[in-house]
């Protein structure tokens, strides 16, 4: 039995990480997930074509064998499917983290009257802002 005509998958050398620069994290994760999804779609089309040709030939045993083989491939820890799921999971977590950060920032803005953007802008006088924040609690 010959393998279906599936283009080779370019292996990524590392998974996306958001350790260095969180600003680009969502973009990077989204791009990885899109790339994995596109590869999964290509692979699925090739698999469907393979099954269709085997159905036409009436080779049902070969179909069962291919389905078993593909199922085993997809269950492997480093499979394309698992990498896609991991990238989507990390993307959801990062979206949640950034949303929480926005919400907490707006709550702090309301409590202190000081914008978190004021604290982080270039040239911000962080010490006077901290003194102002501490004096609110007194």
C-alpha atoms as a PDB file:
ATOM      1  CA  UNK A   1       0.000   0.000   0.000  1.00  0.00           C
ATOM      2  CA  UNK A   2       1.453   3.381  -0.982  1.00  0.00           C
ATOM      3  CA  UNK A   3       0.959   6.458   1.186  1.00  0.00           C
ATOM      4  CA  UNK A   4      -1.440   9.122  -0.036  1.00  0.00           C
ATOM      5  CA  UNK A   5      -0.003  12.064  -1.908  1.00  0.00           C
ATOM      6  CA  UNK A   6       0.363  14.382   1.077  1.00  0.00           C
ATOM      7  CA  UNK A   7       2.802  17.284   0.914  1.00  0.00           C
ATOM      8  CA  UNK A   8       5.507  17.134   3.586  1.00  0.00           C
ATOM      9  CA  UNK A   9       4.865  19.177   6.694  1.00  0.00           C
ATOM     10  CA  UNK A  10       7.485  21.692   7.584  1.00  0.00           C
ATOM     11  CA  UNK A  11       8.437  20.974  11.185  1.00  0.00           C
ATOM     12  CA  UNK A  12       8.673  23.995  13.411  1.00  0.00           C
ATOM     13  CA  UNK A  13      11.835  24.184  15.468  1.00  0.00           C
ATOM     14  CA  UNK A  14      10.098  25.706  18.452  1.00  0.00           C
ATOM     15  CA  UNK A  15       6.613  26.400  19.586  1.00  0.00           C
ATOM     16  CA  UNK A  16       5.555  29.974  20.061  1.00  0.00           C
ATOM     17  CA  UNK A  17       6.439  31.414  23.416  1.00  0.00           C
ATOM     18  CA  UNK A  18       5.357  34.654  24.891  1.00  0.00           C
ATOM     19  CA  UNK A  19       8.241  35.058  27.275  1.00  0.00           C
ATOM     20  CA  UNK A  20      10.206  37.737  25.424  1.00  0.00           C
ATOM     21  CA  UNK A  21       7.647  40.228  24.150  1.00  0.00           C
ATOM     22  CA  UNK A  22       4.031  39.938  25.204  1.00  0.00           C
ATOM     23  CA  UNK A  23       2.869  42.619  22.745  1.00  0.00           C
ATOM     24  CA  UNK A  24       3.431  40.332  19.784  1.00  0.00           C
ATOM     25  CA  UNK A  25       2.326  37.180  21.572  1.00  0.00           C
ATOM     26  CA  UNK A  26      -1.267  37.146  20.331  1.00  0.00           C
ATOM     27  CA  UNK A  27      -0.169  37.788  16.753  1.00  0.00           C
ATOM     28  CA  UNK A  28       2.471  35.073  16.898  1.00  0.00           C
ATOM     29  CA  UNK A  29       0.122  32.510  18.428  1.00  0.00           C
ATOM     30  CA  UNK A  30      -2.605  33.370  15.950  1.00  0.00           C
ATOM     31  CA  UNK A  31      -0.219  32.965  13.019  1.00  0.00           C
ATOM     32  CA  UNK A  32       0.958  29.579  14.309  1.00  0.00           C
ATOM     33  CA  UNK A  33      -2.607  28.369  14.781  1.00  0.00           C
ATOM     34  CA  UNK A  34      -3.534  29.572  11.277  1.00  0.00           C
ATOM     35  CA  UNK A  35      -0.516  27.801   9.791  1.00  0.00           C
ATOM     36  CA  UNK A  36      -1.356  24.566  11.596  1.00  0.00           C
ATOM     37  CA  UNK A  37      -5.017  24.821  10.539  1.00  0.00           C
ATOM     38  CA  UNK A  38      -4.013  25.328   6.894  1.00  0.00           C
ATOM     39  CA  UNK A  39      -1.759  22.261   7.049  1.00  0.00           C
ATOM     40  CA  UNK A  40      -4.541  20.220   8.659  1.00  0.00           C
ATOM     41  CA  UNK A  41      -6.928  21.292   5.890  1.00  0.00           C
ATOM     42  CA  UNK A  42      -4.415  20.229   3.204  1.00  0.00           C
ATOM     43  CA  UNK A  43      -3.863  16.899   4.916  1.00  0.00           C
ATOM     44  CA  UNK A  44      -7.605  16.340   5.313  1.00  0.00           C
ATOM     45  CA  UNK A  45      -8.202  17.027   1.617  1.00  0.00           C
ATOM     46  CA  UNK A  46      -5.487  14.565   0.658  1.00  0.00           C
ATOM     47  CA  UNK A  47      -6.889  11.950   3.006  1.00  0.00           C
ATOM     48  CA  UNK A  48     -10.396  12.462   1.629  1.00  0.00           C
ATOM     49  CA  UNK A  49      -9.096  12.046  -1.917  1.00  0.00           C
ATOM     50  CA  UNK A  50      -7.328   8.844  -0.898  1.00  0.00           C
ATOM     51  CA  UNK A  51     -10.487   7.412   0.676  1.00  0.00           C
ATOM     52  CA  UNK A  52     -12.557   8.470  -2.330  1.00  0.00           C
ATOM     53  CA  UNK A  53     -10.217   6.677  -4.727  1.00  0.00           C
ATOM     54  CA  UNK A  54     -10.283   3.558  -2.559  1.00  0.00           C
ATOM     55  CA  UNK A  55     -14.096   3.692  -2.406  1.00  0.00           C
ATOM     56  CA  UNK A  56     -14.225   3.869  -6.181  1.00  0.00           C
ATOM     57  CA  UNK A  57     -11.920   0.847  -6.355  1.00  0.00           C
ATOM     58  CA  UNK A  58     -13.998  -0.957  -3.729  1.00  0.00           C
ATOM     59  CA  UNK A  59     -10.961  -1.574  -1.515  1.00  0.00           C
ATOM     60  CA  UNK A  60     -12.680  -1.305   1.855  1.00  0.00           C
ATOM     61  CA  UNK A  61      -9.935  -3.149   3.711  1.00  0.00           C
ATOM     62  CA  UNK A  62      -7.383  -0.542   2.582  1.00  0.00           C
ATOM     63  CA  UNK A  63      -9.715   2.220   3.775  1.00  0.00           C
ATOM     64  CA  UNK A  64      -9.867   0.634   7.223  1.00  0.00           C
ATOM     65  CA  UNK A  65      -6.071   0.318   7.293  1.00  0.00           C
ATOM     66  CA  UNK A  66      -5.585   3.968   6.295  1.00  0.00           C
ATOM     67  CA  UNK A  67      -8.092   5.145   8.881  1.00  0.00           C
ATOM     68  CA  UNK A  68      -6.293   3.196  11.600  1.00  0.00           C
ATOM     69  CA  UNK A  69      -2.929   4.556  10.507  1.00  0.00           C
ATOM     70  CA  UNK A  70      -4.198   8.149  10.400  1.00  0.00           C
ATOM     71  CA  UNK A  71      -5.804   7.766  13.799  1.00  0.00           C
ATOM     72  CA  UNK A  72      -2.495   6.583  15.263  1.00  0.00           C
ATOM     73  CA  UNK A  73      -0.640   9.473  13.586  1.00  0.00           C
ATOM     74  CA  UNK A  74      -3.086  12.013  14.984  1.00  0.00           C
ATOM     75  CA  UNK A  75      -2.788  10.622  18.515  1.00  0.00           C
ATOM     76  CA  UNK A  76       1.011  11.027  18.585  1.00  0.00           C
ATOM     77  CA  UNK A  77       2.146  13.738  21.050  1.00  0.00           C
ATOM     78  CA  UNK A  78       3.974  15.698  18.331  1.00  0.00           C
ATOM     79  CA  UNK A  79       1.249  15.331  15.720  1.00  0.00           C
ATOM     80  CA  UNK A  80       0.042  18.266  13.699  1.00  0.00           C
ATOM     81  CA  UNK A  81      -3.360  17.964  15.336  1.00  0.00           C
ATOM     82  CA  UNK A  82      -1.896  18.158  18.845  1.00  0.00           C
ATOM     83  CA  UNK A  83       0.357  21.089  17.931  1.00  0.00           C
ATOM     84  CA  UNK A  84      -2.681  22.922  16.549  1.00  0.00           C
ATOM     85  CA  UNK A  85      -4.664  22.217  19.727  1.00  0.00           C
ATOM     86  CA  UNK A  86      -1.779  23.464  21.880  1.00  0.00           C
ATOM     87  CA  UNK A  87      -1.409  26.658  19.850  1.00  0.00           C
ATOM     88  CA  UNK A  88      -5.175  27.325  20.090  1.00  0.00           C
ATOM     89  CA  UNK A  89      -5.102  26.674  23.834  1.00  0.00           C
ATOM     90  CA  UNK A  90      -2.183  29.051  24.333  1.00  0.00           C
ATOM     91  CA  UNK A  91      -3.943  31.662  22.202  1.00  0.00           C
ATOM     92  CA  UNK A  92      -7.100  31.395  24.331  1.00  0.00           C
ATOM     93  CA  UNK A  93      -5.038  31.706  27.522  1.00  0.00           C
ATOM     94  CA  UNK A  94      -3.196  34.756  26.202  1.00  0.00           C
ATOM     95  CA  UNK A  95      -6.455  36.420  25.130  1.00  0.00           C
ATOM     96  CA  UNK A  96      -7.864  35.767  28.592  1.00  0.00           C
ATOM     97  CA  UNK A  97      -4.688  37.096  30.264  1.00  0.00           C
ATOM     98  CA  UNK A  98      -4.721  40.284  28.210  1.00  0.00           C
ATOM     99  CA  UNK A  99      -8.446  40.794  28.808  1.00  0.00           C
ATOM    100  CA  UNK A 100      -7.947  40.393  32.570  1.00  0.00           C
ATOM    101  CA  UNK A 101      -5.066  42.846  32.435  1.00  0.00           C
ATOM    102  CA  UNK A 102      -7.297  45.387  30.668  1.00  0.00           C
ATOM    103  CA  UNK A 103     -10.095  44.907  33.185  1.00  0.00           C
ATOM    104  CA  UNK A 104      -7.806  45.209  36.208  1.00  0.00           C
ATOM    105  CA  UNK A 105      -6.159  48.271  34.679  1.00  0.00           C
ATOM    106  CA  UNK A 106      -9.493  50.026  34.254  1.00  0.00           C
ATOM    107  CA  UNK A 107     -10.520  49.122  37.823  1.00  0.00           C
ATOM    108  CA  UNK A 108      -7.254  50.549  39.158  1.00  0.00           C
ATOM    109  CA  UNK A 109      -7.808  53.678  37.056  1.00  0.00           C
ATOM    110  CA  UNK A 110     -11.223  54.181  38.677  1.00  0.00           C
ATOM    111  CA  UNK A 111      -9.948  53.538  42.194  1.00  0.00           C
ATOM    112  CA  UNK A 112      -6.841  55.696  42.023  1.00  0.00           C
ATOM    113  CA  UNK A 113      -7.811  58.255  39.447  1.00  0.00           C
ATOM    114  CA  UNK A 114      -4.435  57.535  37.857  1.00  0.00           C
ATOM    115  CA  UNK A 115      -4.354  55.927  34.457  1.00  0.00           C
ATOM    116  CA  UNK A 116      -2.117  52.911  34.164  1.00  0.00           C
ATOM    117  CA  UNK A 117      -1.159  54.373  30.804  1.00  0.00           C
ATOM    118  CA  UNK A 118       0.174  57.420  32.668  1.00  0.00           C
ATOM    119  CA  UNK A 119       2.379  55.160  34.738  1.00  0.00           C
ATOM    120  CA  UNK A 120       3.884  53.415  31.745  1.00  0.00           C
ATOM    121  CA  UNK A 121       4.199  56.240  29.209  1.00  0.00           C
ATOM    122  CA  UNK A 122       7.693  57.483  28.333  1.00  0.00           C
ATOM    123  CA  UNK A 123       8.870  60.158  30.746  1.00  0.00           C
ATOM    124  CA  UNK A 124       6.299  59.265  33.399  1.00  0.00           C
ATOM    125  CA  UNK A 125       7.217  60.299  36.917  1.00  0.00           C
ATOM    126  CA  UNK A 126       6.579  56.935  38.488  1.00  0.00           C
ATOM    127  CA  UNK A 127       7.612  57.968  42.017  1.00  0.00           C
ATOM    128  CA  UNK A 128       5.129  60.837  42.244  1.00  0.00           C
ATOM    129  CA  UNK A 129       2.385  58.567  40.909  1.00  0.00           C
ATOM    130  CA  UNK A 130       3.227  55.930  43.523  1.00  0.00           C
ATOM    131  CA  UNK A 131       3.204  58.594  46.288  1.00  0.00           C
ATOM    132  CA  UNK A 132      -0.191  59.775  45.018  1.00  0.00           C
ATOM    133  CA  UNK A 133      -1.494  56.209  45.017  1.00  0.00           C
ATOM    134  CA  UNK A 134      -0.242  55.565  48.555  1.00  0.00           C
ATOM    135  CA  UNK A 135      -1.761  58.804  49.862  1.00  0.00           C
ATOM    136  CA  UNK A 136      -5.205  57.723  48.652  1.00  0.00           C
ATOM    137  CA  UNK A 137      -5.147  54.834  51.125  1.00  0.00           C
ATOM    138  CA  UNK A 138      -4.315  57.128  54.069  1.00  0.00           C
END
